[in-house]
Amino acid sequence: MPTMTAAQRRAADAAGFDAYLAECPARQLLDRIGDKWTSLVVNALADGPQRYSELRRRLSGVSEKMLTQTLRALERDGLLTRTVTGGVPARVDYELTALGRDLLPLMQAIKAWAESHMPQVLHARAAYDDGQGAVRAR
């Protein structure tokens, strides 16, 4: 059996990922990056490290539990780092990793698209609610 370089091993491993397959781990990653809180956290960290309290203030409506879960999941997936600085109280900063910064432009584009297309989406929802549902029931 011939030996493979690290690059060849990575290429062989990547060839095995197909998100259309139920057992593919890429589905878990798609689920993570498709989550609204993930999108908002990644976008909020675009300007550099932030403390938990800063993120909580910036992300209106997020519960402490959801923010903590999201931050832990992003750290586990290698998208951000958590740095604890000693002191009383200890200071905890969150920052995007290189992998997280690589994802950032995509998340920024999705956020910008959602914000700029909301009028059309609201119009489509109203049209659907005003009669489209009845048309589909025929």
Protein backbone atom coordinates (compact mmCIF):
# COMPACT_ATOMS: atom_id res chain seq x y z
CA MET A 1 0.00 0.00 0.00
CA PRO A 2 1.59 3.30 -1.06
CA THR A 3 2.01 6.02 1.53
CA MET A 4 0.09 9.25 1.08
CA THR A 5 1.16 12.78 1.86
CA ALA A 6 -0.90 14.82 4.30
CA ALA A 7 -2.38 16.77 1.38
CA GLN A 8 -3.36 13.55 -0.37
CA ARG A 9 -4.99 12.24 2.83
CA ARG A 10 -6.97 15.47 3.23
CA ALA A 11 -8.09 15.29 -0.41
CA ALA A 12 -9.14 11.65 0.02
CA ASP A 13 -11.03 12.48 3.22
CA ALA A 14 -12.76 15.47 1.60
CA ALA A 15 -13.85 13.34 -1.34
CA GLY A 16 -15.88 11.29 1.14
CA PHE A 17 -18.09 14.20 2.24
CA ASP A 18 -21.49 14.47 0.57
CA ALA A 19 -24.07 16.48 2.51
CA TYR A 20 -26.86 14.75 0.60
CA LEU A 21 -26.03 11.54 2.46
CA ALA A 22 -27.74 11.17 5.84
CA GLU A 23 -24.59 10.10 7.70
CA CYS A 24 -22.36 12.85 6.33
CA PRO A 25 -20.90 15.08 9.09
CA ALA A 26 -21.14 18.06 6.75
CA ARG A 27 -24.87 18.06 7.56
CA GLN A 28 -24.08 18.89 11.16
CA LEU A 29 -21.88 21.75 10.02
CA LEU A 30 -24.58 23.03 7.66
CA ASP A 31 -27.03 22.89 10.55
CA ARG A 32 -24.60 24.89 12.70
CA ILE A 33 -23.81 27.60 10.15
CA GLY A 34 -27.46 27.83 9.10
CA ASP A 35 -28.52 28.72 12.64
CA LYS A 36 -29.54 32.37 13.11
CA TRP A 37 -27.52 32.79 16.31
CA THR A 38 -24.40 31.40 14.66
CA SER A 39 -24.81 33.85 11.81
CA LEU A 40 -25.28 36.77 14.17
CA VAL A 41 -22.38 35.78 16.46
CA VAL A 42 -19.99 35.37 13.55
CA ASN A 43 -21.06 38.73 12.12
CA ALA A 44 -20.79 40.39 15.54
CA LEU A 45 -17.20 39.16 15.89
CA ALA A 46 -16.19 40.65 12.53
CA ASP A 47 -14.62 43.67 14.22
CA GLY A 48 -12.46 41.64 16.59
CA PRO A 49 -12.63 40.03 20.02
CA GLN A 50 -15.60 40.72 22.24
CA ARG A 51 -16.61 39.82 25.75
CA TYR A 52 -19.67 37.71 26.49
CA SER A 53 -21.54 40.73 27.88
CA GLU A 54 -20.79 42.76 24.72
CA LEU A 55 -22.14 39.97 22.53
CA ARG A 56 -25.24 39.61 24.70
CA ARG A 57 -25.99 43.34 24.43
CA ARG A 58 -25.38 43.34 20.67
CA LEU A 59 -27.56 40.28 19.98
CA SER A 60 -30.91 41.55 21.12
CA GLY A 61 -33.26 38.74 22.08
CA VAL A 62 -30.70 35.99 22.66
CA SER A 63 -31.00 34.21 26.00
CA GLU A 64 -27.93 33.55 28.11
CA LYS A 65 -28.43 29.83 27.60
CA MET A 66 -28.65 30.11 23.80
CA LEU A 67 -25.65 32.42 23.54
CA THR A 68 -23.58 30.11 25.74
CA GLN A 69 -24.60 27.05 23.69
CA THR A 70 -23.83 28.83 20.43
CA LEU A 71 -20.42 30.04 21.62
CA ARG A 72 -19.48 26.56 22.89
CA ALA A 73 -20.57 24.93 19.63
CA LEU A 74 -18.60 27.43 17.54
CA GLU A 75 -15.54 26.89 19.70
CA ARG A 76 -15.92 23.11 19.35
CA ASP A 77 -16.16 23.45 15.56
CA GLY A 78 -13.00 25.58 15.49
CA LEU A 79 -14.72 28.77 14.35
CA LEU A 80 -13.89 30.87 17.40
CA THR A 81 -11.59 30.89 20.38
CA ARG A 82 -12.36 31.63 23.99
CA THR A 83 -9.58 33.37 25.88
CA VAL A 84 -9.69 33.74 29.66
CA THR A 85 -7.55 36.46 31.20
CA GLY A 86 -6.93 36.23 34.94
CA GLY A 87 -8.24 38.83 37.28
CA VAL A 88 -11.22 39.48 39.49
CA PRO A 89 -13.50 38.92 37.79
CA ALA A 90 -11.81 36.92 35.04
CA ARG A 91 -12.09 38.41 31.58
CA VAL A 92 -13.35 36.13 28.80
CA ASP A 93 -12.99 37.18 25.17
CA TYR A 94 -14.34 35.47 22.07
CA GLU A 95 -12.62 35.85 18.70
CA LEU A 96 -12.96 34.29 15.27
CA THR A 97 -10.28 31.80 14.28
CA ALA A 98 -8.82 31.67 10.77
CA LEU A 99 -11.56 29.18 9.92
CA GLY A 100 -14.20 31.53 11.32
CA ARG A 101 -12.75 34.48 9.40
CA ASP A 102 -12.91 32.34 6.25
CA LEU A 103 -16.64 31.81 6.90
CA LEU A 104 -17.25 35.49 7.74
CA PRO A 105 -17.72 36.88 4.18
CA LEU A 106 -20.39 34.27 3.49
CA MET A 107 -22.23 35.08 6.71
CA GLN A 108 -21.96 38.81 6.04
CA ALA A 109 -23.40 38.27 2.55
CA ILE A 110 -26.33 36.23 3.88
CA LYS A 111 -27.06 38.85 6.56
CA ALA A 112 -26.89 41.66 4.00
CA TRP A 113 -29.11 39.73 1.58
CA ALA A 114 -31.71 39.11 4.30
CA GLU A 115 -31.73 42.75 5.36
CA SER A 116 -31.94 44.14 1.83
CA HIS A 117 -34.59 41.66 0.62
CA MET A 118 -36.93 41.87 3.60
CA PRO A 119 -39.41 44.16 1.80
CA GLN A 120 -39.83 41.60 -1.01
CA VAL A 121 -40.13 38.74 1.46
CA LEU A 122 -42.73 40.59 3.53
CA HIS A 123 -44.67 41.34 0.35
CA ALA A 124 -44.52 37.69 -0.72
CA ARG A 125 -45.68 36.55 2.73
CA ALA A 126 -48.61 38.96 2.67
CA ALA A 127 -49.62 37.85 -0.83
CA TYR A 128 -49.40 34.21 0.19
CA ASP A 129 -51.41 34.81 3.36
CA ASP A 130 -54.05 36.79 1.43
CA GLY A 131 -54.87 34.09 -1.03
CA GLN A 132 -52.10 31.85 -2.14
CA GLY A 133 -52.94 29.30 0.54
CA ALA A 134 -56.48 29.04 -0.83
CA VAL A 135 -55.17 28.58 -4.39
CA ARG A 136 -53.00 25.70 -3.27
CA ALA A 137 -55.97 24.01 -1.59
CA ARG A 138 -57.87 23.55 -4.90
